[in-house]
C-alpha atoms as a PDB file:
ATOM      1  CA  MET A   1    -106.636-148.541 -69.902  1.00  0.00           C
ATOM      2  CA  LYS A   2    -108.045-147.374 -73.105  1.00  0.00           C
ATOM      3  CA  ALA A   3    -111.476-146.681 -71.556  1.00  0.00           C
ATOM      4  CA  ALA A   4    -109.812-144.414 -69.082  1.00  0.00           C
ATOM      5  CA  ILE A   5    -108.065-142.395 -71.828  1.00  0.00           C
ATOM      6  CA  ALA A   6    -111.249-142.154 -73.809  1.00  0.00           C
ATOM      7  CA  ARG A   7    -113.117-140.592 -70.665  1.00  0.00           C
ATOM      8  CA  ALA A   8    -110.039-138.437 -69.964  1.00  0.00           C
ATOM      9  CA  ARG A   9    -110.467-137.372 -73.647  1.00  0.00           C
ATOM     10  CA  VAL A  10    -114.224-136.733 -73.456  1.00  0.00           C
ATOM     11  CA  LEU A  11    -113.690-134.517 -70.121  1.00  0.00           C
ATOM     12  CA  ASP A  12    -111.064-132.540 -72.037  1.00  0.00           C
ATOM     13  CA  ASP A  13    -113.288-131.996 -74.891  1.00  0.00           C
ATOM     14  CA  ALA A  14    -115.990-130.803 -72.700  1.00  0.00           C
ATOM     15  CA  GLY A  15    -114.041-128.440 -70.867  1.00  0.00           C
ATOM     16  CA  PHE A  16    -112.575-126.966 -74.024  1.00  0.00           C
ATOM     17  CA  GLU A  17    -116.074-126.524 -75.331  1.00  0.00           C
ATOM     18  CA  ALA A  18    -117.499-125.100 -72.152  1.00  0.00           C
ATOM     19  CA  ALA A  19    -114.485-122.604 -72.052  1.00  0.00           C
ATOM     20  CA  GLN A  20    -115.055-121.791 -75.659  1.00  0.00           C
ATOM     21  CA  ARG A  21    -118.745-121.098 -75.162  1.00  0.00           C
ATOM     22  CA  ARG A  22    -118.116-119.091 -72.246  1.00  0.00           C
ATOM     23  CA  LEU A  23    -115.447-116.795 -74.002  1.00  0.00           C
ATOM     24  CA  ARG A  24    -117.664-116.155 -76.985  1.00  0.00           C
ATOM     25  CA  GLN A  25    -120.691-115.408 -74.999  1.00  0.00           C
ATOM     26  CA  SER A  26    -119.208-112.991 -72.571  1.00  0.00           C
ATOM     27  CA  ALA A  27    -120.733-109.755 -72.439  1.00  0.00           C
ATOM     28  CA  GLY A  28    -117.925-106.939 -72.616  1.00  0.00           C
ATOM     29  CA  PRO A  29    -114.445-106.659 -71.116  1.00  0.00           C
ATOM     30  CA  GLY A  30    -115.526-107.452 -67.361  1.00  0.00           C
ATOM     31  CA  ASP A  31    -117.393-110.209 -68.205  1.00  0.00           C
ATOM     32  CA  THR A  32    -114.388-111.461 -70.388  1.00  0.00           C
ATOM     33  CA  LEU A  33    -111.776-110.965 -67.599  1.00  0.00           C
ATOM     34  CA  GLU A  34    -114.117-113.060 -65.571  1.00  0.00           C
ATOM     35  CA  ALA A  35    -114.225-116.000 -68.113  1.00  0.00           C
ATOM     36  CA  VAL A  36    -110.471-115.731 -68.433  1.00  0.00           C
ATOM     37  CA  ARG A  37    -110.035-116.067 -64.600  1.00  0.00           C
ATOM     38  CA  GLU A  38    -112.377-118.985 -64.657  1.00  0.00           C
ATOM     39  CA  ILE A  39    -110.906-120.825 -67.484  1.00  0.00           C
ATOM     40  CA  VAL A  40    -107.272-120.126 -66.141  1.00  0.00           C
ATOM     41  CA  ALA A  41    -108.118-121.066 -62.477  1.00  0.00           C
ATOM     42  CA  GLY A  42    -110.566-123.888 -63.112  1.00  0.00           C
ATOM     43  CA  LEU A  43    -108.799-125.566 -66.102  1.00  0.00           C
ATOM     44  CA  LEU A  44    -105.374-124.627 -66.189  1.00  0.00           C
ATOM     45  CA  GLY A  45    -104.724-124.788 -62.323  1.00  0.00           C
ATOM     46  CA  CYS A  46    -103.618-121.101 -61.888  1.00  0.00           C
ATOM     47  CA  GLU A  47    -104.940-118.434 -59.281  1.00  0.00           C
ATOM     48  CA  GLU A  48    -102.019-115.612 -59.836  1.00  0.00           C
ATOM     49  CA  ILE A  49    -102.889-114.006 -63.104  1.00  0.00           C
ATOM     50  CA  ALA A  50    -101.968-110.727 -64.912  1.00  0.00           C
ATOM     51  CA  LEU A  51    -103.087-109.329 -68.361  1.00  0.00           C
ATOM     52  CA  PHE A  52    -101.036-106.595 -69.857  1.00  0.00           C
ATOM     53  CA  THR A  53    -102.011-104.291 -72.596  1.00  0.00           C
ATOM     54  CA  ILE A  54     -99.636-103.517 -75.642  1.00  0.00           C
ATOM     55  CA  TYR A  55    -100.030-100.146 -76.969  1.00  0.00           C
ATOM     56  CA  GLN A  56     -97.525 -98.358 -78.987  1.00  0.00           C
ATOM     57  CA  GLY A  57     -94.935-100.697 -77.938  1.00  0.00           C
ATOM     58  CA  LYS A  58     -95.385-100.420 -74.244  1.00  0.00           C
ATOM     59  CA  SER A  59     -96.933-102.766 -71.740  1.00  0.00           C
ATOM     60  CA  THR A  60     -99.140-101.844 -68.766  1.00  0.00           C
ATOM     61  CA  LEU A  61    -100.903-103.996 -66.276  1.00  0.00           C
ATOM     62  CA  PHE A  62    -104.778-103.790 -67.300  1.00  0.00           C
ATOM     63  CA  TRP A  63    -106.163-106.428 -64.626  1.00  0.00           C
ATOM     64  CA  SER A  64    -104.845-108.834 -62.355  1.00  0.00           C
ATOM     65  CA  PHE A  65    -105.964-111.460 -59.995  1.00  0.00           C
ATOM     66  CA  GLY A  66    -104.318-113.112 -57.064  1.00  0.00           C
ATOM     67  CA  ILE A  67    -100.807-110.836 -57.510  1.00  0.00           C
ATOM     68  CA  ASP A  68     -99.626-107.523 -56.007  1.00  0.00           C
ATOM     69  CA  PRO A  69    -100.293-105.143 -59.031  1.00  0.00           C
ATOM     70  CA  LYS A  70     -97.437-102.600 -57.483  1.00  0.00           C
ATOM     71  CA  GLN A  71     -94.842-105.433 -58.076  1.00  0.00           C
ATOM     72  CA  HIS A  72     -95.860-105.837 -61.703  1.00  0.00           C
ATOM     73  CA  LYS A  73     -96.791-102.824 -63.316  1.00  0.00           C
ATOM     74  CA  THR A  74     -95.304-103.748 -66.770  1.00  0.00           C
ATOM     75  CA  LEU A  75     -94.050-106.731 -68.512  1.00  0.00           C
ATOM     76  CA  ASP A  76     -90.600-105.393 -68.065  1.00  0.00           C
ATOM     77  CA  THR A  77     -90.846-106.504 -64.416  1.00  0.00           C
ATOM     78  CA  PHE A  78     -90.324-110.162 -65.729  1.00  0.00           C
ATOM     79  CA  GLU A  79     -87.055-109.619 -67.657  1.00  0.00           C
ATOM     80  CA  GLU A  80     -87.871-112.755 -69.875  1.00  0.00           C
ATOM     81  CA  PRO A  81     -85.627-113.261 -72.672  1.00  0.00           C
ATOM     82  CA  ALA A  82     -88.236-114.717 -75.112  1.00  0.00           C
ATOM     83  CA  LEU A  83     -90.598-112.167 -74.233  1.00  0.00           C
ATOM     84  CA  GLN A  84     -90.067-110.825 -77.722  1.00  0.00           C
ATOM     85  CA  ARG A  85     -91.317-113.894 -79.278  1.00  0.00           C
ATOM     86  CA  VAL A  86     -94.601-113.721 -76.866  1.00  0.00           C
ATOM     87  CA  LEU A  87     -94.999-110.174 -78.218  1.00  0.00           C
ATOM     88  CA  ASP A  88     -94.665-111.742 -81.938  1.00  0.00           C
ATOM     89  CA  GLY A  89     -97.533-114.349 -81.014  1.00  0.00           C
ATOM     90  CA  GLU A  90     -95.529-117.458 -79.591  1.00  0.00           C
ATOM     91  CA  PHE A  91     -96.597-119.075 -76.210  1.00  0.00           C
ATOM     92  CA  HIS A  92     -93.939-119.275 -73.792  1.00  0.00           C
ATOM     93  CA  LEU A  93     -93.743-121.513 -70.726  1.00  0.00           C
ATOM     94  CA  VAL A  94     -90.703-121.072 -68.318  1.00  0.00           C
ATOM     95  CA  ARG A  95     -89.636-122.738 -64.870  1.00  0.00           C
ATOM     96  CA  ALA A  96     -89.434-119.438 -62.519  1.00  0.00           C
ATOM     97  CA  VAL A  97     -86.164-120.614 -60.934  1.00  0.00           C
ATOM     98  CA  GLY A  98     -85.417-118.992 -57.323  1.00  0.00           C
ATOM     99  CA  GLU A  99     -89.224-119.325 -56.629  1.00  0.00           C
ATOM    100  CA  PRO A 100     -89.975-122.041 -54.005  1.00  0.00           C
ATOM    101  CA  ARG A 101     -92.902-124.413 -54.317  1.00  0.00           C
ATOM    102  CA  ALA A 102     -94.358-126.294 -51.362  1.00  0.00           C
ATOM    103  CA  GLY A 103     -93.199-129.821 -51.250  1.00  0.00           C
ATOM    104  CA  VAL A 104     -92.148-129.944 -55.009  1.00  0.00           C
ATOM    105  CA  SER A 105     -88.737-129.965 -55.951  1.00  0.00           C
ATOM    106  CA  ASP A 106     -89.217-128.420 -59.343  1.00  0.00           C
ATOM    107  CA  PRO A 107     -89.609-124.713 -59.950  1.00  0.00           C
ATOM    108  CA  PRO A 108     -92.885-123.345 -60.682  1.00  0.00           C
ATOM    109  CA  LEU A 109     -94.291-122.843 -64.031  1.00  0.00           C
ATOM    110  CA  ARG A 110     -94.656-119.494 -65.222  1.00  0.00           C
ATOM    111  CA  VAL A 111     -96.747-118.995 -68.695  1.00  0.00           C
ATOM    112  CA  PHE A 112     -96.964-116.095 -71.299  1.00  0.00           C
ATOM    113  CA  VAL A 113     -99.968-116.343 -73.514  1.00  0.00           C
ATOM    114  CA  PRO A 114    -100.001-113.817 -76.320  1.00  0.00           C
ATOM    115  CA  ILE A 115    -103.606-112.544 -76.854  1.00  0.00           C
ATOM    116  CA  ARG A 116    -103.985-111.817 -80.389  1.00  0.00           C
ATOM    117  CA  MET A 117    -106.459-109.838 -82.622  1.00  0.00           C
ATOM    118  CA  ASN A 118    -105.977-109.321 -86.244  1.00  0.00           C
ATOM    119  CA  SER A 119    -102.795-111.112 -86.500  1.00  0.00           C
ATOM    120  CA  ARG A 120    -101.188-108.988 -83.701  1.00  0.00           C
ATOM    121  CA  THR A 121    -100.446-109.386 -80.046  1.00  0.00           C
ATOM    122  CA  VAL A 122    -102.476-106.810 -78.254  1.00  0.00           C
ATOM    123  CA  ALA A 123    -102.107-108.018 -74.815  1.00  0.00           C
ATOM    124  CA  VAL A 124    -100.223-110.792 -72.867  1.00  0.00           C
ATOM    125  CA  LEU A 125    -101.731-113.043 -70.326  1.00  0.00           C
ATOM    126  CA  VAL A 126     -99.190-114.104 -67.812  1.00  0.00           C
ATOM    127  CA  MET A 127     -99.884-117.099 -65.301  1.00  0.00           C
ATOM    128  CA  LEU A 128     -97.527-116.647 -62.415  1.00  0.00           C
ATOM    129  CA  ARG A 129     -97.669-119.691 -60.418  1.00  0.00           C
ATOM    130  CA  LEU A 130     -99.758-122.747 -61.467  1.00  0.00           C
ATOM    131  CA  LEU A 131    -100.721-125.287 -58.616  1.00  0.00           C
ATOM    132  CA  PRO A 132     -98.042-127.413 -57.147  1.00  0.00           C
ATOM    133  CA  GLN A 133     -99.005-130.516 -58.964  1.00  0.00           C
ATOM    134  CA  LYS A 134     -99.222-128.904 -62.283  1.00  0.00           C
ATOM    135  CA  ILE A 135     -95.689-129.723 -63.649  1.00  0.00           C
ATOM    136  CA  ALA A 136     -96.209-129.562 -67.435  1.00  0.00           C
ATOM    137  CA  PHE A 137     -98.715-128.439 -70.005  1.00  0.00           C
ATOM    138  CA  ASP A 138    -100.380-131.376 -71.733  1.00  0.00           C
ATOM    139  CA  GLU A 139    -102.164-131.408 -74.933  1.00  0.00           C
ATOM    140  CA  SER A 140    -105.424-130.236 -73.545  1.00  0.00           C
ATOM    141  CA  ASP A 141    -103.716-127.464 -71.580  1.00  0.00           C
ATOM    142  CA  MET A 142    -102.409-126.221 -75.085  1.00  0.00           C
ATOM    143  CA  ARG A 143    -105.819-126.216 -76.627  1.00  0.00           C
ATOM    144  CA  LEU A 144    -107.098-124.038 -73.861  1.00  0.00           C
ATOM    145  CA  VAL A 145    -104.087-121.834 -74.202  1.00  0.00           C
ATOM    146  CA  LYS A 146    -104.457-121.384 -78.176  1.00  0.00           C
ATOM    147  CA  LEU A 147    -108.282-120.684 -77.358  1.00  0.00           C
ATOM    148  CA  LEU A 148    -107.476-117.811 -74.839  1.00  0.00           C
ATOM    149  CA  SER A 149    -104.882-116.456 -77.410  1.00  0.00           C
ATOM    150  CA  ASN A 150    -107.151-116.338 -80.289  1.00  0.00           C
ATOM    151  CA  GLU A 151    -110.849-115.669 -78.329  1.00  0.00           C
ATOM    152  CA  ALA A 152    -110.134-113.508 -75.381  1.00  0.00           C
ATOM    153  CA  GLY A 153    -108.983-110.217 -77.469  1.00  0.00           C
ATOM    154  CA  ARG A 154    -112.521-110.023 -79.003  1.00  0.00           C
ATOM    155  CA  GLY A 155    -114.326-109.527 -75.669  1.00  0.00           C
ATOM    156  CA  LEU A 156    -111.522-107.346 -74.427  1.00  0.00           C
ATOM    157  CA  PHE A 157    -111.008-104.746 -76.952  1.00  0.00           C
ATOM    158  CA  ASP A 158    -113.453-102.527 -79.092  1.00  0.00           C
ATOM    159  CA  ALA A 159    -112.673-102.961 -82.752  1.00  0.00           C
ATOM    160  CA  GLY A 160    -113.175 -99.054 -83.171  1.00  0.00           C
ATOM    161  CA  MET A 161    -110.511 -98.339 -80.525  1.00  0.00           C
ATOM    162  CA  GLY A 162    -107.522-100.633 -82.362  1.00  0.00           C
ATOM    163  CA  SER A 163    -105.368-102.165 -79.763  1.00  0.00           C
ATOM    164  CA  ARG A 164    -106.403 -99.758 -76.647  1.00  0.00           C
ATOM    165  CA  PRO A 165    -108.375-101.224 -74.176  1.00  0.00           C
ATOM    166  CA  GLN A 166    -111.896-100.343 -73.575  1.00  0.00           C
ATOM    167  CA  ALA A 167    -111.996-100.279 -69.822  1.00  0.00           C
ATOM    168  CA  ALA A 168    -109.420-101.407 -66.770  1.00  0.00           C
ATOM    169  CA  ARG A 169    -111.032-103.598 -64.084  1.00  0.00           C
ATOM    170  CA  ARG A 170    -109.699-103.346 -60.887  1.00  0.00           C
ATOM    171  CA  SER A 171    -106.910-105.915 -59.689  1.00  0.00           C
ATOM    172  CA  ARG A 172    -108.255-108.433 -56.926  1.00  0.00           C
END
């Protein structure tokens, strides 16, 4: 049992280190978005992702993967009471009550990750539906969320532009 736990921890560490290296070596906004997609899909188990920029108090859909961008143009479409805490830099996870999950009784998880630069939130990464078997976030998931929160902003935003995005990439 202890050996299995030790192996799982080594795999978690390797995944974290690979994700960290991928984010830090990304070349520009497009590559950073692809790195975020790879980390979220491959390591966190979600293929419905949206990134909203925050500029002058307003949110705008910057990039998405696997969602309908017409449905989610701003963060206001989520009507989350804890959204202000996310904008203040706190991670938020909520069950999306009313959204069915195939073969699982618990509603799907919806995750909000603040993307931070210079101690402020410049964007919010939203994971809409995690894979059905993903019913909670564990310690290794939280490490990845913190990594995304702290590292993704560097590759997405140009220091000379403040919190304005360099360039949007089309939704998929």
